[in-house]
Amino acid sequence: MHKSFEEGMALRSQRRLKAALGAVDEEPRSAQAWFWLAATLDNRAEESLAIPAYERALRLGLEGEGRVKALAWLASSRSKVGDHRAAMAALSKAE
């Protein structure tokens, strides 16, 4: 049985990242859920998995400070996997 998004976030704040990944319900239309999934993957140095989650959060309409963070962290992940052109494009969108 999956735990709620809030329980997943609580686990993430406790730095129990592996448990947090398994605890978040699938919320296919929640930009926030995809953003925090991406951030958790990023914290685990799983950039190749974080990138599509950041992109999905952005497509779903992540707004405000979350959008800026997602673009900056997406740029960082893209850079770490060697996709520097896409990293620069994400940074320019964050401006």
N, C-alpha and C. Protein backbone atom coordinates (compact mmCIF):
# COMPACT_ATOMS: atom_id res chain seq x y z
N MET A 1 0.84 -1.18 0.00
CA MET A 1 0.00 0.00 0.00
C MET A 1 0.88 1.25 0.00
N HIS A 2 0.54 2.19 -0.87
CA HIS A 2 1.29 3.43 -0.95
C HIS A 2 0.86 4.39 0.15
N LYS A 3 1.79 5.17 0.60
CA LYS A 3 1.49 6.22 1.56
C LYS A 3 1.16 7.49 0.79
N SER A 4 0.68 8.48 1.49
CA SER A 4 0.31 9.73 0.85
C SER A 4 1.53 10.56 0.46
N PHE A 5 1.28 11.54 -0.38
CA PHE A 5 2.31 12.48 -0.79
C PHE A 5 2.90 13.17 0.44
N GLU A 6 2.04 13.56 1.39
CA GLU A 6 2.51 14.24 2.60
C GLU A 6 3.44 13.34 3.41
N GLU A 7 3.12 12.07 3.51
CA GLU A 7 3.99 11.14 4.23
C GLU A 7 5.33 10.98 3.51
N GLY A 8 5.28 10.96 2.19
CA GLY A 8 6.51 10.90 1.41
C GLY A 8 7.39 12.11 1.65
N MET A 9 6.75 13.29 1.73
CA MET A 9 7.50 14.52 1.99
C MET A 9 8.10 14.49 3.40
N ALA A 10 7.37 13.95 4.36
CA ALA A 10 7.90 13.84 5.72
C ALA A 10 9.13 12.94 5.74
N LEU A 11 9.07 11.83 5.02
CA LEU A 11 10.23 10.94 4.94
C LEU A 11 11.41 11.65 4.27
N ARG A 12 11.12 12.43 3.24
CA ARG A 12 12.17 13.17 2.54
C ARG A 12 12.84 14.15 3.50
N SER A 13 12.04 14.85 4.31
CA SER A 13 12.61 15.82 5.24
C SER A 13 13.47 15.15 6.31
N GLN A 14 13.22 13.87 6.54
CA GLN A 14 14.03 13.09 7.49
C GLN A 14 15.26 12.49 6.81
N ARG A 15 15.45 12.86 5.53
CA ARG A 15 16.56 12.35 4.70
C ARG A 15 16.45 10.84 4.47
N ARG A 16 15.26 10.30 4.57
CA ARG A 16 15.01 8.90 4.27
C ARG A 16 14.54 8.83 2.82
N LEU A 17 15.49 9.15 1.91
CA LEU A 17 15.14 9.36 0.52
C LEU A 17 14.62 8.10 -0.17
N LYS A 18 15.24 6.97 0.11
CA LYS A 18 14.77 5.73 -0.53
C LYS A 18 13.33 5.43 -0.11
N ALA A 19 13.03 5.58 1.16
CA ALA A 19 11.67 5.36 1.64
C ALA A 19 10.71 6.39 1.05
N ALA A 20 11.16 7.63 0.91
CA ALA A 20 10.31 8.68 0.35
C ALA A 20 9.91 8.37 -1.08
N LEU A 21 10.85 7.85 -1.86
CA LEU A 21 10.54 7.52 -3.25
C LEU A 21 9.43 6.47 -3.33
N GLY A 22 9.45 5.52 -2.44
CA GLY A 22 8.43 4.48 -2.45
C GLY A 22 7.13 4.90 -1.80
N ALA A 23 7.15 6.00 -1.07
CA ALA A 23 5.97 6.40 -0.31
C ALA A 23 5.05 7.34 -1.08
N VAL A 24 5.57 8.03 -2.06
CA VAL A 24 4.76 9.02 -2.77
C VAL A 24 3.80 8.31 -3.72
N ASP A 25 2.51 8.58 -3.53
CA ASP A 25 1.52 8.04 -4.45
C ASP A 25 1.76 8.58 -5.85
N GLU A 26 1.36 7.83 -6.86
CA GLU A 26 1.44 8.36 -8.21
C GLU A 26 0.37 9.43 -8.33
N GLU A 27 0.81 10.62 -8.63
CA GLU A 27 -0.10 11.74 -8.82
C GLU A 27 0.24 12.33 -10.18
N PRO A 28 -0.26 11.72 -11.24
CA PRO A 28 0.18 12.07 -12.58
C PRO A 28 -0.06 13.51 -13.01
N ARG A 29 -0.95 14.21 -12.32
CA ARG A 29 -1.23 15.60 -12.71
C ARG A 29 -0.74 16.62 -11.69
N SER A 30 0.03 16.19 -10.71
CA SER A 30 0.51 17.10 -9.68
C SER A 30 1.92 17.57 -9.99
N ALA A 31 2.03 18.84 -10.38
CA ALA A 31 3.35 19.41 -10.67
C ALA A 31 4.24 19.35 -9.44
N GLN A 32 3.67 19.62 -8.26
CA GLN A 32 4.45 19.58 -7.02
C GLN A 32 4.98 18.18 -6.74
N ALA A 33 4.15 17.16 -6.92
CA ALA A 33 4.60 15.79 -6.68
C ALA A 33 5.75 15.43 -7.60
N TRP A 34 5.65 15.79 -8.87
CA TRP A 34 6.74 15.49 -9.82
C TRP A 34 7.99 16.28 -9.49
N PHE A 35 7.82 17.54 -9.06
CA PHE A 35 8.98 18.35 -8.69
C PHE A 35 9.72 17.71 -7.52
N TRP A 36 9.00 17.31 -6.48
CA TRP A 36 9.67 16.74 -5.30
C TRP A 36 10.21 15.35 -5.58
N LEU A 37 9.57 14.61 -6.46
CA LEU A 37 10.14 13.34 -6.89
C LEU A 37 11.48 13.59 -7.57
N ALA A 38 11.51 14.58 -8.48
CA ALA A 38 12.75 14.93 -9.18
C ALA A 38 13.84 15.35 -8.19
N ALA A 39 13.47 16.21 -7.24
CA ALA A 39 14.45 16.68 -6.27
C ALA A 39 15.00 15.54 -5.43
N THR A 40 14.13 14.61 -5.06
CA THR A 40 14.58 13.45 -4.28
C THR A 40 15.53 12.58 -5.09
N LEU A 41 15.20 12.35 -6.34
CA LEU A 41 16.10 11.58 -7.22
C LEU A 41 17.43 12.31 -7.37
N ASP A 42 17.35 13.61 -7.55
CA ASP A 42 18.55 14.43 -7.68
C ASP A 42 19.43 14.30 -6.43
N ASN A 43 18.80 14.34 -5.26
CA ASN A 43 19.55 14.19 -4.00
C ASN A 43 20.22 12.82 -3.89
N ARG A 44 19.70 11.85 -4.60
CA ARG A 44 20.29 10.51 -4.58
C ARG A 44 21.31 10.33 -5.70
N ALA A 45 21.66 11.42 -6.39
CA ALA A 45 22.60 11.40 -7.52
C ALA A 45 22.09 10.55 -8.67
N GLU A 46 20.79 10.58 -8.87
CA GLU A 46 20.15 9.85 -9.97
C GLU A 46 19.62 10.86 -10.98
N GLU A 47 20.56 11.68 -11.50
CA GLU A 47 20.20 12.76 -12.40
C GLU A 47 19.44 12.30 -13.64
N SER A 48 19.82 11.16 -14.19
CA SER A 48 19.16 10.69 -15.41
C SER A 48 17.69 10.36 -15.18
N LEU A 49 17.32 10.05 -13.94
CA LEU A 49 15.92 9.83 -13.59
C LEU A 49 15.24 11.13 -13.16
N ALA A 50 16.01 12.03 -12.57
CA ALA A 50 15.46 13.31 -12.11
C ALA A 50 15.06 14.20 -13.29
N ILE A 51 15.84 14.17 -14.36
CA ILE A 51 15.61 15.06 -15.50
C ILE A 51 14.18 14.94 -16.05
N PRO A 52 13.70 13.74 -16.40
CA PRO A 52 12.33 13.68 -16.93
C PRO A 52 11.27 14.06 -15.89
N ALA A 53 11.55 13.85 -14.61
CA ALA A 53 10.59 14.25 -13.57
C ALA A 53 10.52 15.77 -13.47
N TYR A 54 11.67 16.46 -13.53
CA TYR A 54 11.67 17.93 -13.56
C TYR A 54 10.89 18.43 -14.77
N GLU A 55 11.17 17.82 -15.92
CA GLU A 55 10.50 18.25 -17.16
C GLU A 55 8.99 18.05 -17.07
N ARG A 56 8.57 16.95 -16.47
CA ARG A 56 7.13 16.72 -16.33
C ARG A 56 6.50 17.74 -15.39
N ALA A 57 7.18 18.05 -14.30
CA ALA A 57 6.68 19.07 -13.37
C ALA A 57 6.50 20.41 -14.09
N LEU A 58 7.46 20.76 -14.91
CA LEU A 58 7.38 22.01 -15.65
C LEU A 58 6.25 21.98 -16.67
N ARG A 59 6.09 20.87 -17.38
CA ARG A 59 4.99 20.74 -18.35
C ARG A 59 3.63 20.84 -17.68
N LEU A 60 3.56 20.35 -16.44
CA LEU A 60 2.29 20.37 -15.70
C LEU A 60 1.98 21.74 -15.11
N GLY A 61 2.86 22.70 -15.31
CA GLY A 61 2.57 24.06 -14.91
C GLY A 61 3.12 24.50 -13.57
N LEU A 62 4.21 23.92 -13.13
CA LEU A 62 4.85 24.36 -11.89
C LEU A 62 5.07 25.86 -11.98
N GLU A 63 4.74 26.57 -10.92
CA GLU A 63 4.78 28.04 -10.95
C GLU A 63 5.67 28.61 -9.85
N GLY A 64 5.93 29.90 -9.96
CA GLY A 64 6.61 30.66 -8.92
C GLY A 64 8.01 30.17 -8.62
N GLU A 65 8.34 30.20 -7.33
CA GLU A 65 9.67 29.80 -6.88
C GLU A 65 9.98 28.35 -7.24
N GLY A 66 8.96 27.50 -7.20
CA GLY A 66 9.16 26.10 -7.57
C GLY A 66 9.61 25.96 -9.01
N ARG A 67 9.05 26.78 -9.90
CA ARG A 67 9.45 26.74 -11.32
C ARG A 67 10.91 27.15 -11.48
N VAL A 68 11.29 28.22 -10.79
CA VAL A 68 12.68 28.69 -10.89
C VAL A 68 13.63 27.63 -10.35
N LYS A 69 13.30 27.04 -9.19
CA LYS A 69 14.14 25.98 -8.63
C LYS A 69 14.22 24.80 -9.58
N ALA A 70 13.08 24.39 -10.14
CA ALA A 70 13.08 23.24 -11.05
C ALA A 70 13.97 23.50 -12.25
N LEU A 71 13.90 24.69 -12.81
CA LEU A 71 14.74 25.01 -13.96
C LEU A 71 16.22 25.03 -13.59
N ALA A 72 16.54 25.61 -12.43
CA ALA A 72 17.95 25.65 -11.99
C ALA A 72 18.48 24.26 -11.68
N TRP A 73 17.67 23.47 -10.99
CA TRP A 73 18.11 22.11 -10.63
C TRP A 73 18.13 21.20 -11.86
N LEU A 74 17.21 21.44 -12.80
CA LEU A 74 17.24 20.71 -14.07
C LEU A 74 18.54 21.04 -14.81
N ALA A 75 18.91 22.31 -14.82
CA ALA A 75 20.17 22.71 -15.46
C ALA A 75 21.35 22.01 -14.82
N SER A 76 21.35 21.93 -13.51
CA SER A 76 22.43 21.26 -12.80
C SER A 76 22.49 19.77 -13.17
N SER A 77 21.35 19.13 -13.19
CA SER A 77 21.30 17.70 -13.55
C SER A 77 21.76 17.49 -14.98
N ARG A 78 21.27 18.35 -15.88
CA ARG A 78 21.69 18.24 -17.29
C ARG A 78 23.20 18.40 -17.42
N SER A 79 23.77 19.33 -16.67
CA SER A 79 25.21 19.55 -16.71
C SER A 79 25.96 18.32 -16.21
N LYS A 80 25.46 17.72 -15.13
CA LYS A 80 26.12 16.54 -14.56
C LYS A 80 26.13 15.35 -15.51
N VAL A 81 25.12 15.26 -16.39
CA VAL A 81 25.10 14.15 -17.35
C VAL A 81 25.75 14.53 -18.68
N GLY A 82 26.33 15.76 -18.72
CA GLY A 82 27.09 16.16 -19.90
C GLY A 82 26.29 16.86 -20.99
N ASP A 83 25.03 17.20 -20.72
CA ASP A 83 24.19 17.88 -21.70
C ASP A 83 24.22 19.38 -21.42
N HIS A 84 25.35 20.00 -21.74
CA HIS A 84 25.58 21.40 -21.37
C HIS A 84 24.70 22.37 -22.14
N ARG A 85 24.39 22.07 -23.38
CA ARG A 85 23.52 22.95 -24.16
C ARG A 85 22.12 23.01 -23.53
N ALA A 86 21.57 21.86 -23.15
CA ALA A 86 20.26 21.84 -22.50
C ALA A 86 20.32 22.49 -21.13
N ALA A 87 21.46 22.36 -20.45
CA ALA A 87 21.62 23.02 -19.16
C ALA A 87 21.54 24.53 -19.31
N MET A 88 22.22 25.06 -20.30
CA MET A 88 22.18 26.50 -20.54
C MET A 88 20.78 26.95 -20.93
N ALA A 89 20.08 26.16 -21.70
CA ALA A 89 18.71 26.51 -22.11
C ALA A 89 17.80 26.58 -20.88
N ALA A 90 17.94 25.64 -19.96
CA ALA A 90 17.13 25.65 -18.73
C ALA A 90 17.45 26.87 -17.89
N LEU A 91 18.73 27.22 -17.79
CA LEU A 91 19.11 28.40 -17.01
C LEU A 91 18.55 29.68 -17.63
N SER A 92 18.55 29.76 -18.96
CA SER A 92 18.02 30.97 -19.59
C SER A 92 16.52 31.10 -19.35
N LYS A 93 15.81 29.99 -19.23
CA LYS A 93 14.38 30.04 -18.94
C LYS A 93 14.13 30.45 -17.50
N ALA A 94 15.09 30.16 -16.61
CA ALA A 94 14.93 30.50 -15.20
C ALA A 94 15.10 31.98 -14.94
N GLU A 95 15.76 32.68 -15.85
CA GLU A 95 16.03 34.12 -15.64
C GLU A 95 14.78 34.93 -15.60
